[in-house]
């Protein structure tokens, strides 16, 4: 009988220890955590169509683009749109290169006739524009080139850069 009693006490004691550790293991657990930050960055794109135009005429004439230039801005933030020329109109086929002032080339919102001369400095087109998601927002322009009677014959070019910046 003492053997059974001792064996029974041993089983009860062992079971109690196992239950104690199981309960304390769950109750004493320290959870781990992680802080997750999700950030949406500004995304602005500008596209221009067509990417090249030809304005040609005879000395003393004024030539207007036959089809408009479309500048599309897609932006998930409010933005400002500006334009500038990278250089004066330049003919590099001769040495030294021949130039015409960039102010002879101008732009206007399509169909308005409200001409603004291009500049080598940023010129504001649209200020405090709301974000333009999905298909974006189109800005449509006519271009005009004033040819002076004394301009040397040549193929003059420059690059016009449209820039949209978040504000």
N, C-alpha and C. Protein backbone atom coordinates (compact mmCIF):
# COMPACT_ATOMS: atom_id res chain seq x y z
N UNK A 1 0.82 -1.17 0.00
CA UNK A 1 0.00 0.00 0.00
C UNK A 1 0.87 1.25 0.00
N UNK A 2 1.98 1.22 0.72
CA UNK A 2 2.87 2.35 0.73
C UNK A 2 3.44 2.61 -0.65
N UNK A 3 3.70 1.51 -1.39
CA UNK A 3 4.21 1.68 -2.74
C UNK A 3 3.22 2.42 -3.60
N UNK A 4 1.96 2.04 -3.55
CA UNK A 4 0.94 2.67 -4.37
C UNK A 4 0.71 4.12 -3.96
N UNK A 5 0.78 4.35 -2.70
CA UNK A 5 0.61 5.70 -2.21
C UNK A 5 1.76 6.60 -2.66
N UNK A 6 2.96 6.08 -2.57
CA UNK A 6 4.13 6.82 -3.00
C UNK A 6 4.08 7.06 -4.51
N UNK A 7 3.68 6.03 -5.25
CA UNK A 7 3.58 6.17 -6.70
C UNK A 7 2.48 7.15 -7.07
N UNK A 8 1.36 7.13 -6.40
CA UNK A 8 0.26 8.06 -6.65
C UNK A 8 0.66 9.49 -6.35
N UNK A 9 1.39 9.68 -5.26
CA UNK A 9 1.85 11.02 -4.90
C UNK A 9 2.85 11.52 -5.94
N UNK A 10 3.67 10.64 -6.45
CA UNK A 10 4.66 11.01 -7.46
C UNK A 10 3.98 11.44 -8.75
N UNK A 11 2.93 10.74 -9.17
CA UNK A 11 2.19 11.09 -10.39
C UNK A 11 1.49 12.43 -10.21
N UNK A 12 0.89 12.65 -9.05
CA UNK A 12 0.20 13.91 -8.79
C UNK A 12 1.20 15.07 -8.79
N UNK A 13 2.38 14.84 -8.15
CA UNK A 13 3.40 15.88 -8.10
C UNK A 13 3.92 16.21 -9.51
N UNK A 14 4.19 15.19 -10.33
CA UNK A 14 4.69 15.40 -11.70
C UNK A 14 3.65 16.13 -12.54
N UNK A 15 2.38 15.75 -12.42
CA UNK A 15 1.31 16.40 -13.17
C UNK A 15 1.19 17.86 -12.76
N UNK A 16 1.34 18.14 -11.46
CA UNK A 16 1.25 19.51 -10.97
C UNK A 16 2.38 20.36 -11.54
N UNK A 17 3.59 19.80 -11.62
CA UNK A 17 4.73 20.56 -12.17
C UNK A 17 4.48 20.87 -13.66
N UNK A 18 4.02 19.87 -14.42
CA UNK A 18 3.75 20.09 -15.85
C UNK A 18 2.69 21.15 -16.03
N UNK A 19 1.60 21.09 -15.28
CA UNK A 19 0.54 22.09 -15.39
C UNK A 19 1.04 23.48 -15.00
N UNK A 20 1.90 23.53 -13.97
CA UNK A 20 2.45 24.81 -13.54
C UNK A 20 3.25 25.45 -14.68
N UNK A 21 4.11 24.67 -15.32
CA UNK A 21 4.93 25.22 -16.40
C UNK A 21 4.10 25.57 -17.63
N UNK A 22 3.08 24.78 -17.92
CA UNK A 22 2.23 25.09 -19.07
C UNK A 22 1.47 26.40 -18.83
N UNK A 23 0.94 26.57 -17.63
CA UNK A 23 0.20 27.79 -17.34
C UNK A 23 1.13 29.00 -17.31
N UNK A 24 2.27 28.87 -16.67
CA UNK A 24 3.19 29.99 -16.59
C UNK A 24 3.81 30.31 -17.95
N UNK A 25 4.01 29.32 -18.79
CA UNK A 25 4.55 29.57 -20.13
C UNK A 25 3.62 30.46 -20.92
N UNK A 26 2.31 30.24 -20.88
CA UNK A 26 1.37 31.06 -21.63
C UNK A 26 1.17 32.41 -20.96
N UNK A 27 1.05 32.43 -19.67
CA UNK A 27 0.79 33.67 -18.96
C UNK A 27 2.03 34.56 -18.92
N UNK A 28 3.20 33.99 -18.94
CA UNK A 28 4.42 34.76 -18.84
C UNK A 28 4.99 35.16 -20.19
N UNK A 29 4.31 34.83 -21.29
CA UNK A 29 4.83 35.15 -22.62
C UNK A 29 4.82 36.65 -22.86
N UNK A 30 5.87 37.15 -23.48
CA UNK A 30 5.97 38.57 -23.82
C UNK A 30 5.79 38.67 -25.33
N UNK A 31 4.73 39.41 -25.79
CA UNK A 31 4.51 39.49 -27.24
C UNK A 31 5.56 40.39 -27.90
N UNK A 32 5.90 40.08 -29.14
CA UNK A 32 6.77 40.94 -29.94
C UNK A 32 5.89 41.77 -30.85
N UNK A 33 6.36 42.91 -31.24
CA UNK A 33 5.55 43.75 -32.13
C UNK A 33 6.45 44.45 -33.13
N UNK A 34 5.83 44.97 -34.16
CA UNK A 34 6.53 45.72 -35.19
C UNK A 34 5.66 46.90 -35.57
N UNK A 35 6.27 48.04 -35.77
CA UNK A 35 5.55 49.21 -36.26
C UNK A 35 5.74 49.26 -37.76
N UNK A 36 4.66 49.32 -38.49
CA UNK A 36 4.71 49.35 -39.95
C UNK A 36 4.33 50.75 -40.41
N UNK A 37 5.17 51.34 -41.23
CA UNK A 37 4.87 52.63 -41.84
C UNK A 37 4.69 52.39 -43.33
N UNK A 38 3.62 52.92 -43.87
CA UNK A 38 3.37 52.84 -45.31
C UNK A 38 3.34 54.26 -45.83
N UNK A 39 4.19 54.55 -46.78
CA UNK A 39 4.32 55.92 -47.26
C UNK A 39 3.98 55.98 -48.75
N UNK A 40 3.16 56.96 -49.13
CA UNK A 40 2.85 57.21 -50.53
C UNK A 40 3.63 58.45 -50.94
N UNK A 41 4.51 58.29 -51.91
CA UNK A 41 5.35 59.40 -52.36
C UNK A 41 4.67 60.21 -53.45
N UNK A 42 5.07 61.47 -53.59
CA UNK A 42 4.55 62.27 -54.71
C UNK A 42 4.97 61.64 -56.03
N UNK A 43 4.09 61.69 -57.00
CA UNK A 43 4.39 61.15 -58.32
C UNK A 43 3.85 62.12 -59.36
N UNK A 44 4.75 62.79 -60.05
CA UNK A 44 4.37 63.76 -61.07
C UNK A 44 5.03 63.37 -62.38
N UNK A 45 4.24 63.35 -63.45
CA UNK A 45 4.83 63.11 -64.77
C UNK A 45 4.29 64.14 -65.75
N UNK A 46 5.15 64.51 -66.70
CA UNK A 46 4.79 65.47 -67.74
C UNK A 46 5.10 64.82 -69.08
N UNK A 47 4.13 64.83 -69.98
CA UNK A 47 4.38 64.34 -71.33
C UNK A 47 3.96 65.42 -72.32
N UNK A 48 4.65 65.46 -73.45
CA UNK A 48 4.40 66.47 -74.48
C UNK A 48 4.16 65.76 -75.80
N UNK A 49 3.10 66.18 -76.50
CA UNK A 49 2.79 65.59 -77.80
C UNK A 49 2.37 66.69 -78.76
N UNK A 50 2.99 66.81 -79.89
CA UNK A 50 4.09 65.99 -80.40
C UNK A 50 5.40 66.37 -79.72
N UNK A 51 6.43 65.56 -79.95
CA UNK A 51 7.72 65.83 -79.33
C UNK A 51 8.60 66.73 -80.20
N UNK A 52 8.13 67.04 -81.39
CA UNK A 52 8.88 67.92 -82.30
C UNK A 52 7.91 68.61 -83.24
N UNK A 53 8.14 69.89 -83.52
CA UNK A 53 7.33 70.60 -84.52
C UNK A 53 8.26 71.42 -85.41
N UNK A 54 7.77 71.74 -86.59
CA UNK A 54 8.52 72.57 -87.54
C UNK A 54 7.70 73.81 -87.84
N UNK A 55 8.28 74.96 -87.58
CA UNK A 55 7.67 76.24 -87.93
C UNK A 55 8.58 76.87 -88.98
N UNK A 56 8.10 76.96 -90.21
CA UNK A 56 8.95 77.50 -91.27
C UNK A 56 8.19 78.52 -92.11
N UNK A 57 8.94 79.50 -92.59
CA UNK A 57 8.33 80.54 -93.40
C UNK A 57 9.40 81.41 -94.04
N UNK A 58 8.96 82.43 -94.72
CA UNK A 58 9.88 83.34 -95.40
C UNK A 58 10.16 84.55 -94.51
N UNK A 59 11.30 85.23 -94.76
CA UNK A 59 11.61 86.42 -93.96
C UNK A 59 10.46 87.42 -93.97
N UNK A 60 10.20 88.00 -92.81
CA UNK A 60 9.14 88.98 -92.66
C UNK A 60 7.78 88.38 -92.35
N UNK A 61 7.71 87.06 -92.20
CA UNK A 61 6.42 86.43 -91.92
C UNK A 61 6.33 85.98 -90.46
N UNK A 62 5.12 85.67 -90.05
CA UNK A 62 4.86 85.08 -88.74
C UNK A 62 4.18 83.75 -88.98
N UNK A 63 4.74 82.71 -88.40
CA UNK A 63 4.25 81.35 -88.63
C UNK A 63 3.65 80.80 -87.34
N UNK A 64 2.45 80.25 -87.44
CA UNK A 64 1.79 79.64 -86.28
C UNK A 64 1.69 78.14 -86.51
N UNK A 65 1.84 77.37 -85.44
CA UNK A 65 1.77 75.91 -85.55
C UNK A 65 0.44 75.48 -86.15
N UNK A 66 0.51 74.46 -87.01
CA UNK A 66 -0.71 73.99 -87.68
C UNK A 66 -1.55 73.11 -86.77
N UNK A 67 -0.93 72.50 -85.78
CA UNK A 67 -1.67 71.72 -84.79
C UNK A 67 -1.10 72.06 -83.42
N UNK A 68 -1.93 71.96 -82.40
CA UNK A 68 -1.47 72.38 -81.06
C UNK A 68 -0.49 71.40 -80.43
N UNK A 69 0.22 71.92 -79.46
CA UNK A 69 1.10 71.11 -78.61
C UNK A 69 0.31 70.81 -77.34
N UNK A 70 0.24 69.53 -76.99
CA UNK A 70 -0.51 69.12 -75.79
C UNK A 70 0.47 68.69 -74.71
N UNK A 71 0.39 69.36 -73.59
CA UNK A 71 1.21 69.02 -72.42
C UNK A 71 0.28 68.37 -71.41
N UNK A 72 0.58 67.13 -71.05
CA UNK A 72 -0.26 66.39 -70.10
C UNK A 72 0.49 66.24 -68.78
N UNK A 73 -0.19 66.61 -67.70
CA UNK A 73 0.40 66.46 -66.36
C UNK A 73 -0.44 65.46 -65.58
N UNK A 74 0.23 64.45 -65.04
CA UNK A 74 -0.40 63.50 -64.12
C UNK A 74 0.30 63.68 -62.78
N UNK A 75 -0.50 63.88 -61.74
CA UNK A 75 0.10 64.15 -60.44
C UNK A 75 -0.84 63.74 -59.31
N UNK A 76 -0.28 63.11 -58.29
CA UNK A 76 -1.08 62.76 -57.12
C UNK A 76 -0.96 63.82 -56.02
N UNK A 77 -0.34 64.96 -56.36
CA UNK A 77 -0.23 66.10 -55.44
C UNK A 77 -0.53 67.38 -56.21
N UNK A 78 -0.84 68.44 -55.49
CA UNK A 78 -1.04 69.74 -56.13
C UNK A 78 0.30 70.18 -56.73
N UNK A 79 0.25 70.96 -57.81
CA UNK A 79 1.49 71.28 -58.52
C UNK A 79 1.43 72.65 -59.19
N UNK A 80 2.61 73.13 -59.59
CA UNK A 80 2.78 74.31 -60.43
C UNK A 80 3.41 73.84 -61.73
N UNK A 81 3.00 74.42 -62.85
CA UNK A 81 3.56 74.07 -64.16
C UNK A 81 4.26 75.28 -64.74
N UNK A 82 5.48 75.07 -65.23
CA UNK A 82 6.24 76.16 -65.85
C UNK A 82 6.88 75.67 -67.14
N UNK A 83 7.39 76.64 -67.91
CA UNK A 83 8.04 76.33 -69.19
C UNK A 83 9.27 77.21 -69.34
N UNK A 84 10.28 76.68 -70.02
CA UNK A 84 11.44 77.49 -70.37
C UNK A 84 12.17 76.86 -71.54
N UNK A 85 12.87 77.70 -72.29
CA UNK A 85 13.72 77.23 -73.38
C UNK A 85 15.11 76.97 -72.82
N UNK A 86 15.81 75.99 -73.40
CA UNK A 86 17.15 75.67 -72.93
C UNK A 86 18.21 76.59 -73.52
N UNK A 87 17.89 77.21 -74.66
CA UNK A 87 18.83 78.13 -75.32
C UNK A 87 18.08 78.97 -76.34
N UNK A 88 18.73 79.97 -76.88
CA UNK A 88 18.14 80.73 -77.99
C UNK A 88 17.99 79.79 -79.18
N UNK A 89 17.21 80.21 -80.16
CA UNK A 89 17.08 79.43 -81.40
C UNK A 89 18.46 79.40 -82.05
N UNK A 90 18.98 78.21 -82.32
CA UNK A 90 20.37 78.08 -82.76
C UNK A 90 20.47 77.20 -84.00
N UNK A 91 21.23 77.68 -84.99
CA UNK A 91 21.55 76.89 -86.19
C UNK A 91 23.00 76.44 -86.05
N UNK A 92 23.20 75.15 -85.78
CA UNK A 92 24.55 74.62 -85.57
C UNK A 92 25.18 74.10 -86.86
N UNK A 93 24.48 74.25 -88.00
CA UNK A 93 25.03 73.75 -89.26
C UNK A 93 26.09 74.70 -89.82
N UNK A 94 26.21 75.88 -89.24
CA UNK A 94 27.22 76.85 -89.67
C UNK A 94 28.19 77.11 -88.53
N UNK A 95 29.38 77.58 -88.89
CA UNK A 95 30.37 77.87 -87.86
C UNK A 95 30.85 79.31 -88.04
N UNK A 96 30.74 80.14 -87.06
CA UNK A 96 30.13 79.84 -85.77
C UNK A 96 28.61 79.71 -85.90
N UNK A 97 28.02 79.05 -84.89
CA UNK A 97 26.57 78.85 -84.91
C UNK A 97 25.84 80.19 -84.97
N UNK A 98 24.73 80.19 -85.68
CA UNK A 98 23.91 81.39 -85.82
C UNK A 98 22.75 81.29 -84.82
N UNK A 99 22.40 82.39 -84.19
CA UNK A 99 21.30 82.36 -83.21
C UNK A 99 20.28 83.45 -83.49
N UNK A 100 19.07 83.16 -83.07
CA UNK A 100 17.97 84.12 -83.07
C UNK A 100 17.46 84.18 -81.63
N UNK A 101 17.01 85.33 -81.17
CA UNK A 101 16.53 85.42 -79.78
C UNK A 101 15.33 84.49 -79.55
N UNK A 102 15.35 83.82 -78.41
CA UNK A 102 14.25 82.90 -78.07
C UNK A 102 12.93 83.64 -77.98
N UNK A 103 12.96 84.92 -77.72
CA UNK A 103 11.72 85.70 -77.61
C UNK A 103 10.95 85.77 -78.92
N UNK A 104 11.56 85.37 -80.03
CA UNK A 104 10.86 85.33 -81.32
C UNK A 104 9.91 84.13 -81.41
N UNK A 105 10.09 83.19 -80.48
CA UNK A 105 9.22 82.02 -80.40
C UNK A 105 8.29 82.24 -79.22
N UNK A 106 7.00 82.06 -79.43
CA UNK A 106 6.05 82.30 -78.33
C UNK A 106 4.98 81.22 -78.29
N UNK A 107 4.24 81.21 -77.20
CA UNK A 107 3.17 80.23 -76.99
C UNK A 107 1.92 80.95 -76.51
N UNK A 108 0.79 80.29 -76.74
CA UNK A 108 -0.50 80.81 -76.26
C UNK A 108 -1.42 79.63 -76.00
N UNK A 109 -2.28 79.72 -75.00
CA UNK A 109 -3.31 78.68 -74.87
C UNK A 109 -4.05 78.59 -76.21
N UNK A 110 -4.25 77.38 -76.68
CA UNK A 110 -4.78 77.15 -78.03
C UNK A 110 -6.02 77.99 -78.31
N UNK A 111 -5.97 78.67 -79.44
CA UNK A 111 -7.10 79.44 -79.92
C UNK A 111 -7.30 80.80 -79.27
N UNK A 112 -6.46 81.18 -78.31
CA UNK A 112 -6.68 82.45 -77.60
C UNK A 112 -5.96 83.64 -78.23
N UNK A 113 -4.82 83.40 -78.84
CA UNK A 113 -4.03 84.51 -79.38
C UNK A 113 -3.35 85.34 -78.31
N UNK A 114 -3.36 84.87 -77.07
CA UNK A 114 -2.71 85.58 -75.96
C UNK A 114 -1.26 85.09 -75.86
N UNK A 115 -0.40 85.63 -76.72
CA UNK A 115 0.96 85.14 -76.88
C UNK A 115 1.88 85.57 -75.74
N UNK A 116 2.73 84.63 -75.32
CA UNK A 116 3.78 84.87 -74.33
C UNK A 116 5.08 84.39 -74.94
N UNK A 117 6.08 85.25 -74.96
CA UNK A 117 7.38 84.87 -75.52
C UNK A 117 8.05 83.83 -74.63
N UNK A 118 8.67 82.83 -75.25
CA UNK A 118 9.47 81.88 -74.49
C UNK A 118 10.66 82.62 -73.91
N UNK A 119 11.21 82.07 -72.84
CA UNK A 119 12.31 82.69 -72.13
C UNK A 119 13.32 81.62 -71.73
N UNK A 120 14.52 82.06 -71.41
CA UNK A 120 15.53 81.13 -70.88
C UNK A 120 15.34 80.91 -69.38
N UNK A 121 14.41 81.64 -68.79
CA UNK A 121 14.06 81.48 -67.37
C UNK A 121 12.69 80.82 -67.28
N UNK A 122 12.44 80.17 -66.16
CA UNK A 122 11.12 79.55 -65.94
C UNK A 122 10.01 80.59 -66.05
N UNK A 123 8.96 80.25 -66.77
CA UNK A 123 7.78 81.09 -66.88
C UNK A 123 6.59 80.27 -66.40
N UNK A 124 5.85 80.78 -65.44
CA UNK A 124 4.70 80.05 -64.90
C UNK A 124 3.60 79.94 -65.94
N UNK A 125 3.05 78.73 -66.04
CA UNK A 125 1.89 78.48 -66.91
C UNK A 125 0.65 78.29 -66.06
N UNK A 126 0.79 77.48 -65.02
CA UNK A 126 -0.33 77.18 -64.13
C UNK A 126 0.21 77.13 -62.71
N UNK A 127 -0.47 77.82 -61.81
CA UNK A 127 -0.02 77.90 -60.42
C UNK A 127 -1.12 77.34 -59.51
N UNK A 128 -0.69 76.58 -58.52
CA UNK A 128 -1.61 76.01 -57.52
C UNK A 128 -2.68 75.14 -58.17
N UNK A 129 -2.25 74.29 -59.08
CA UNK A 129 -3.18 73.37 -59.73
C UNK A 129 -3.48 72.19 -58.80
N UNK A 130 -4.74 71.75 -58.74
CA UNK A 130 -5.05 70.58 -57.92
C UNK A 130 -4.50 69.31 -58.58
N UNK A 131 -4.29 68.29 -57.76
CA UNK A 131 -3.75 67.04 -58.30
C UNK A 131 -4.58 66.58 -59.50
N UNK A 132 -3.92 65.91 -60.41
CA UNK A 132 -4.55 65.45 -61.65
C UNK A 132 -4.26 63.96 -61.80
N UNK A 133 -5.16 63.14 -61.30
CA UNK A 133 -4.96 61.70 -61.33
C UNK A 133 -5.68 61.10 -62.54
N UNK A 134 -5.55 59.81 -62.70
CA UNK A 134 -6.18 59.14 -63.85
C UNK A 134 -5.51 59.55 -65.13
N UNK A 135 -6.26 60.16 -66.03
CA UNK A 135 -5.73 60.60 -67.32
C UNK A 135 -4.93 61.88 -67.23
N UNK A 136 -4.91 62.52 -66.06
CA UNK A 136 -4.16 63.75 -65.90
C UNK A 136 -4.93 64.96 -66.42
N UNK A 137 -4.22 66.05 -66.59
CA UNK A 137 -4.81 67.28 -67.11
C UNK A 137 -4.01 67.73 -68.32
N UNK A 138 -4.72 68.08 -69.40
CA UNK A 138 -4.09 68.55 -70.63
C UNK A 138 -4.04 70.07 -70.66
N UNK A 139 -2.90 70.58 -71.09
CA UNK A 139 -2.70 71.99 -71.39
C UNK A 139 -2.39 72.04 -72.88
N UNK A 140 -3.16 72.81 -73.63
CA UNK A 140 -3.05 72.80 -75.09
C UNK A 140 -2.56 74.17 -75.55
N UNK A 141 -1.49 74.18 -76.34
CA UNK A 141 -0.84 75.43 -76.75
C UNK A 141 -0.64 75.52 -78.25
N UNK A 142 -0.75 76.75 -78.75
CA UNK A 142 -0.29 77.07 -80.10
C UNK A 142 1.11 77.66 -79.95
N UNK A 143 1.94 77.46 -80.98
CA UNK A 143 3.28 78.06 -81.02
C UNK A 143 3.33 79.04 -82.18
N UNK A 144 4.14 80.08 -82.03
CA UNK A 144 4.28 81.08 -83.09
C UNK A 144 5.75 81.49 -83.19
N UNK A 145 6.20 81.66 -84.44
CA UNK A 145 7.57 82.08 -84.72
C UNK A 145 7.53 83.31 -85.61
N UNK A 146 8.15 84.39 -85.13
CA UNK A 146 8.21 85.65 -85.89
C UNK A 146 9.56 85.69 -86.60
N UNK A 147 9.51 85.73 -87.94
CA UNK A 147 10.74 85.74 -88.75
C UNK A 147 11.02 87.17 -89.19
N UNK A 148 12.17 87.68 -88.80
CA UNK A 148 12.58 89.04 -89.16
C UNK A 148 13.09 89.04 -90.60
N UNK A 149 12.86 90.12 -91.34
CA UNK A 149 13.34 90.18 -92.72
C UNK A 149 14.86 90.01 -92.85
N UNK A 150 15.62 90.33 -91.80
CA UNK A 150 17.08 90.23 -91.88
C UNK A 150 17.64 88.92 -91.32
N UNK A 151 16.77 87.98 -90.91
CA UNK A 151 17.26 86.71 -90.36
C UNK A 151 18.02 85.91 -91.41
N UNK A 152 19.20 85.39 -91.05
CA UNK A 152 19.93 84.54 -91.98
C UNK A 152 19.15 83.24 -92.22
N UNK A 153 19.23 82.74 -93.44
CA UNK A 153 18.60 81.46 -93.77
C UNK A 153 19.24 80.39 -92.88
N UNK A 154 18.44 79.46 -92.36
CA UNK A 154 18.99 78.38 -91.54
C UNK A 154 17.90 77.58 -90.87
N UNK A 155 18.32 76.48 -90.28
CA UNK A 155 17.42 75.60 -89.52
C UNK A 155 17.76 75.80 -88.04
N UNK A 156 16.96 76.56 -87.36
CA UNK A 156 17.21 76.93 -85.96
C UNK A 156 16.40 76.01 -85.05
N UNK A 157 16.97 75.68 -83.92
CA UNK A 157 16.23 74.83 -82.99
C UNK A 157 16.58 75.17 -81.55
N UNK A 158 15.72 74.73 -80.68
CA UNK A 158 15.92 74.82 -79.24
C UNK A 158 15.07 73.74 -78.60
N UNK A 159 15.28 73.50 -77.35
CA UNK A 159 14.45 72.55 -76.61
C UNK A 159 13.58 73.35 -75.64
N UNK A 160 12.31 73.02 -75.63
CA UNK A 160 11.36 73.64 -74.70
C UNK A 160 11.07 72.62 -73.60
N UNK A 161 11.24 73.04 -72.35
CA UNK A 161 11.09 72.12 -71.22
C UNK A 161 9.91 72.56 -70.37
N UNK A 162 8.96 71.65 -70.18
CA UNK A 162 7.82 71.87 -69.28
C UNK A 162 8.12 71.15 -67.98
N UNK A 163 7.92 71.84 -66.86
CA UNK A 163 8.24 71.27 -65.56
C UNK A 163 7.05 71.43 -64.61
N UNK A 164 6.64 70.33 -64.01
CA UNK A 164 5.60 70.35 -62.98
C UNK A 164 6.27 70.03 -61.65
N UNK A 165 6.01 70.88 -60.65
CA UNK A 165 6.64 70.74 -59.35
C UNK A 165 5.56 70.77 -58.27
N UNK A 166 5.65 69.83 -57.34
CA UNK A 166 4.70 69.82 -56.21
C UNK A 166 4.89 71.07 -55.37
N UNK A 167 3.79 71.58 -54.85
CA UNK A 167 3.92 72.74 -53.96
C UNK A 167 3.24 72.45 -52.65
